[in-house]
Amino acid sequence: MTKEYRAKTFKSGNSVALRLPKGLGIEEGREMMVRKEHGRFVVEPIVTERKKIDLTGIYGSIPGLKLLTDEDRIMEPRDLDWTGALLKHE
Protein backbone atom coordinates (compact mmCIF):
# COMPACT_ATOMS: atom_id res chain seq x y z
CA MET A 1 0.00 0.00 0.00
CA THR A 2 1.21 3.49 -0.85
CA LYS A 3 2.03 5.74 2.08
CA GLU A 4 -0.03 8.93 2.10
CA TYR A 5 0.86 12.33 3.50
CA ARG A 6 -1.40 15.27 4.24
CA ALA A 7 -0.16 18.72 3.24
CA LYS A 8 -1.70 22.18 3.27
CA THR A 9 -1.24 24.97 0.74
CA PHE A 10 -0.02 28.41 1.78
CA LYS A 11 0.54 31.78 0.15
CA SER A 12 4.05 32.50 -1.07
CA GLY A 13 4.29 35.93 -2.69
CA ASN A 14 1.62 36.01 -5.40
CA SER A 15 1.56 32.21 -5.67
CA VAL A 16 0.03 29.34 -3.80
CA ALA A 17 2.66 26.88 -2.54
CA LEU A 18 2.56 23.33 -1.25
CA ARG A 19 5.23 22.09 1.15
CA LEU A 20 6.23 18.50 0.32
CA PRO A 21 6.89 16.30 3.37
CA LYS A 22 10.49 15.26 4.07
CA GLY A 23 9.33 11.63 4.16
CA LEU A 24 8.95 11.71 0.38
CA GLY A 25 12.74 11.89 0.04
CA ILE A 26 12.82 14.86 -2.34
CA GLU A 27 16.02 16.86 -1.97
CA GLU A 28 15.99 20.65 -1.65
CA GLY A 29 16.26 22.59 -4.89
CA ARG A 30 14.96 19.73 -7.06
CA GLU A 31 13.08 20.97 -10.13
CA MET A 32 9.61 19.44 -10.45
CA MET A 33 7.02 19.26 -13.24
CA VAL A 34 3.41 19.91 -12.18
CA ARG A 35 0.49 19.19 -14.50
CA LYS A 36 -3.24 18.88 -14.16
CA GLU A 37 -4.80 15.63 -15.41
CA HIS A 38 -8.52 14.94 -15.14
CA GLY A 39 -8.94 17.32 -12.20
CA ARG A 40 -5.91 15.91 -10.32
CA PHE A 41 -2.43 17.35 -9.94
CA VAL A 42 0.55 15.20 -10.87
CA VAL A 43 3.99 16.22 -9.53
CA GLU A 44 7.08 14.54 -10.98
CA PRO A 45 10.81 15.29 -10.72
CA ILE A 46 12.40 16.60 -13.90
CA VAL A 47 15.20 14.36 -15.11
CA THR A 48 18.18 16.51 -16.00
CA GLU A 49 21.17 15.40 -17.99
CA ARG A 50 24.64 16.07 -16.66
CA LYS A 51 26.09 19.14 -18.29
CA LYS A 52 29.29 18.78 -20.25
CA ILE A 53 31.82 21.48 -20.96
CA ASP A 54 32.39 22.04 -24.68
CA LEU A 55 36.08 22.67 -25.30
CA THR A 56 35.94 22.53 -29.09
CA GLY A 57 36.26 26.32 -29.30
CA ILE A 58 39.60 26.41 -27.50
CA TYR A 59 41.11 23.19 -28.88
CA GLY A 60 44.07 24.19 -31.02
CA SER A 61 44.30 27.70 -29.58
CA ILE A 62 46.67 26.62 -26.80
CA PRO A 63 50.08 25.39 -27.97
CA GLY A 64 50.81 21.86 -26.76
CA LEU A 65 47.18 21.06 -25.89
CA LYS A 66 46.13 17.67 -27.21
CA LEU A 67 43.21 15.37 -26.60
CA LEU A 68 43.85 12.51 -24.17
CA THR A 69 43.74 8.99 -25.50
CA ASP A 70 42.30 6.12 -23.46
CA GLU A 71 45.87 5.02 -22.65
CA ASP A 72 46.70 8.51 -21.33
CA ARG A 73 43.80 8.27 -18.86
CA ILE A 74 45.07 5.08 -17.17
CA MET A 75 46.91 5.74 -13.90
CA GLU A 76 48.98 3.13 -12.18
CA PRO A 77 48.03 2.62 -8.52
CA ARG A 78 50.66 3.88 -6.11
CA ASP A 79 51.05 4.46 -2.40
CA LEU A 80 51.48 8.07 -1.37
CA ASP A 81 52.92 9.31 1.89
CA TRP A 82 50.75 12.25 2.97
CA THR A 83 52.23 12.65 6.45
CA GLY A 84 54.88 15.12 5.27
CA ALA A 85 52.31 17.18 3.36
CA LEU A 86 50.10 17.44 6.43
CA LEU A 87 52.93 18.62 8.64
CA LYS A 88 53.86 21.45 6.22
CA HIS A 89 50.39 23.03 6.45
CA GLU A 90 50.03 22.97 10.24
C-alpha atoms as a PDB file:
ATOM      1  CA  MET A   1       0.000   0.000   0.000  1.00  0.00           C
ATOM      2  CA  THR A   2       1.211   3.494  -0.850  1.00  0.00           C
ATOM      3  CA  LYS A   3       2.030   5.737   2.084  1.00  0.00           C
ATOM      4  CA  GLU A   4      -0.030   8.926   2.105  1.00  0.00           C
ATOM      5  CA  TYR A   5       0.862  12.335   3.497  1.00  0.00           C
ATOM      6  CA  ARG A   6      -1.401  15.273   4.237  1.00  0.00           C
ATOM      7  CA  ALA A   7      -0.162  18.724   3.240  1.00  0.00           C
ATOM      8  CA  LYS A   8      -1.702  22.182   3.266  1.00  0.00           C
ATOM      9  CA  THR A   9      -1.244  24.970   0.739  1.00  0.00           C
ATOM     10  CA  PHE A  10      -0.024  28.408   1.781  1.00  0.00           C
ATOM     11  CA  LYS A  11       0.537  31.776   0.151  1.00  0.00           C
ATOM     12  CA  SER A  12       4.052  32.505  -1.072  1.00  0.00           C
ATOM     13  CA  GLY A  13       4.287  35.931  -2.692  1.00  0.00           C
ATOM     14  CA  ASN A  14       1.616  36.011  -5.403  1.00  0.00           C
ATOM     15  CA  SER A  15       1.558  32.206  -5.675  1.00  0.00           C
ATOM     16  CA  VAL A  16       0.028  29.340  -3.796  1.00  0.00           C
ATOM     17  CA  ALA A  17       2.656  26.875  -2.544  1.00  0.00           C
ATOM     18  CA  LEU A  18       2.560  23.330  -1.248  1.00  0.00           C
ATOM     19  CA  ARG A  19       5.228  22.090   1.153  1.00  0.00           C
ATOM     20  CA  LEU A  20       6.229  18.502   0.324  1.00  0.00           C
ATOM     21  CA  PRO A  21       6.886  16.300   3.368  1.00  0.00           C
ATOM     22  CA  LYS A  22      10.488  15.263   4.072  1.00  0.00           C
ATOM     23  CA  GLY A  23       9.326  11.630   4.161  1.00  0.00           C
ATOM     24  CA  LEU A  24       8.945  11.706   0.376  1.00  0.00           C
ATOM     25  CA  GLY A  25      12.742  11.888   0.043  1.00  0.00           C
ATOM     26  CA  ILE A  26      12.817  14.857  -2.336  1.00  0.00           C
ATOM     27  CA  GLU A  27      16.023  16.863  -1.968  1.00  0.00           C
ATOM     28  CA  GLU A  28      15.986  20.646  -1.648  1.00  0.00           C
ATOM     29  CA  GLY A  29      16.263  22.590  -4.889  1.00  0.00           C
ATOM     30  CA  ARG A  30      14.959  19.730  -7.060  1.00  0.00           C
ATOM     31  CA  GLU A  31      13.081  20.972 -10.126  1.00  0.00           C
ATOM     32  CA  MET A  32       9.614  19.440 -10.455  1.00  0.00           C
ATOM     33  CA  MET A  33       7.024  19.258 -13.238  1.00  0.00           C
ATOM     34  CA  VAL A  34       3.406  19.914 -12.178  1.00  0.00           C
ATOM     35  CA  ARG A  35       0.493  19.186 -14.502  1.00  0.00           C
ATOM     36  CA  LYS A  36      -3.242  18.881 -14.164  1.00  0.00           C
ATOM     37  CA  GLU A  37      -4.800  15.627 -15.411  1.00  0.00           C
ATOM     38  CA  HIS A  38      -8.525  14.937 -15.137  1.00  0.00           C
ATOM     39  CA  GLY A  39      -8.944  17.318 -12.203  1.00  0.00           C
ATOM     40  CA  ARG A  40      -5.909  15.911 -10.322  1.00  0.00           C
ATOM     41  CA  PHE A  41      -2.430  17.354  -9.941  1.00  0.00           C
ATOM     42  CA  VAL A  42       0.552  15.205 -10.873  1.00  0.00           C
ATOM     43  CA  VAL A  43       3.985  16.222  -9.533  1.00  0.00           C
ATOM     44  CA  GLU A  44       7.084  14.540 -10.983  1.00  0.00           C
ATOM     45  CA  PRO A  45      10.814  15.287 -10.723  1.00  0.00           C
ATOM     46  CA  ILE A  46      12.398  16.601 -13.900  1.00  0.00           C
ATOM     47  CA  VAL A  47      15.196  14.356 -15.109  1.00  0.00           C
ATOM     48  CA  THR A  48      18.177  16.511 -15.997  1.00  0.00           C
ATOM     49  CA  GLU A  49      21.171  15.400 -17.995  1.00  0.00           C
ATOM     50  CA  ARG A  50      24.639  16.066 -16.664  1.00  0.00           C
ATOM     51  CA  LYS A  51      26.089  19.144 -18.289  1.00  0.00           C
ATOM     52  CA  LYS A  52      29.294  18.775 -20.249  1.00  0.00           C
ATOM     53  CA  ILE A  53      31.825  21.476 -20.964  1.00  0.00           C
ATOM     54  CA  ASP A  54      32.386  22.041 -24.681  1.00  0.00           C
ATOM     55  CA  LEU A  55      36.080  22.673 -25.298  1.00  0.00           C
ATOM     56  CA  THR A  56      35.935  22.529 -29.094  1.00  0.00           C
ATOM     57  CA  GLY A  57      36.259  26.320 -29.304  1.00  0.00           C
ATOM     58  CA  ILE A  58      39.602  26.414 -27.497  1.00  0.00           C
ATOM     59  CA  TYR A  59      41.108  23.189 -28.876  1.00  0.00           C
ATOM     60  CA  GLY A  60      44.066  24.190 -31.018  1.00  0.00           C
ATOM     61  CA  SER A  61      44.297  27.705 -29.584  1.00  0.00           C
ATOM     62  CA  ILE A  62      46.672  26.616 -26.796  1.00  0.00           C
ATOM     63  CA  PRO A  63      50.076  25.386 -27.967  1.00  0.00           C
ATOM     64  CA  GLY A  64      50.806  21.861 -26.758  1.00  0.00           C
ATOM     65  CA  LEU A  65      47.179  21.063 -25.887  1.00  0.00           C
ATOM     66  CA  LYS A  66      46.133  17.674 -27.211  1.00  0.00           C
ATOM     67  CA  LEU A  67      43.215  15.366 -26.598  1.00  0.00           C
ATOM     68  CA  LEU A  68      43.853  12.513 -24.173  1.00  0.00           C
ATOM     69  CA  THR A  69      43.743   8.991 -25.501  1.00  0.00           C
ATOM     70  CA  ASP A  70      42.296   6.122 -23.464  1.00  0.00           C
ATOM     71  CA  GLU A  71      45.869   5.021 -22.652  1.00  0.00           C
ATOM     72  CA  ASP A  72      46.699   8.510 -21.330  1.00  0.00           C
ATOM     73  CA  ARG A  73      43.804   8.266 -18.855  1.00  0.00           C
ATOM     74  CA  ILE A  74      45.065   5.083 -17.170  1.00  0.00           C
ATOM     75  CA  MET A  75      46.905   5.739 -13.901  1.00  0.00           C
ATOM     76  CA  GLU A  76      48.977   3.135 -12.184  1.00  0.00           C
ATOM     77  CA  PRO A  77      48.031   2.618  -8.521  1.00  0.00           C
ATOM     78  CA  ARG A  78      50.659   3.882  -6.113  1.00  0.00           C
ATOM     79  CA  ASP A  79      51.051   4.460  -2.404  1.00  0.00           C
ATOM     80  CA  LEU A  80      51.478   8.071  -1.373  1.00  0.00           C
ATOM     81  CA  ASP A  81      52.922   9.312   1.886  1.00  0.00           C
ATOM     82  CA  TRP A  82      50.749  12.249   2.970  1.00  0.00           C
ATOM     83  CA  THR A  83      52.232  12.649   6.448  1.00  0.00           C
ATOM     84  CA  GLY A  84      54.878  15.116   5.274  1.00  0.00           C
ATOM     85  CA  ALA A  85      52.310  17.181   3.363  1.00  0.00           C
ATOM     86  CA  LEU A  86      50.099  17.435   6.435  1.00  0.00           C
ATOM     87  CA  LEU A  87      52.930  18.621   8.638  1.00  0.00           C
ATOM     88  CA  LYS A  88      53.864  21.446   6.222  1.00  0.00           C
ATOM     89  CA  HIS A  89      50.389  23.027   6.448  1.00  0.00           C
ATOM     90  CA  GLU A  90      50.032  22.968  10.236  1.00  0.00           C
END
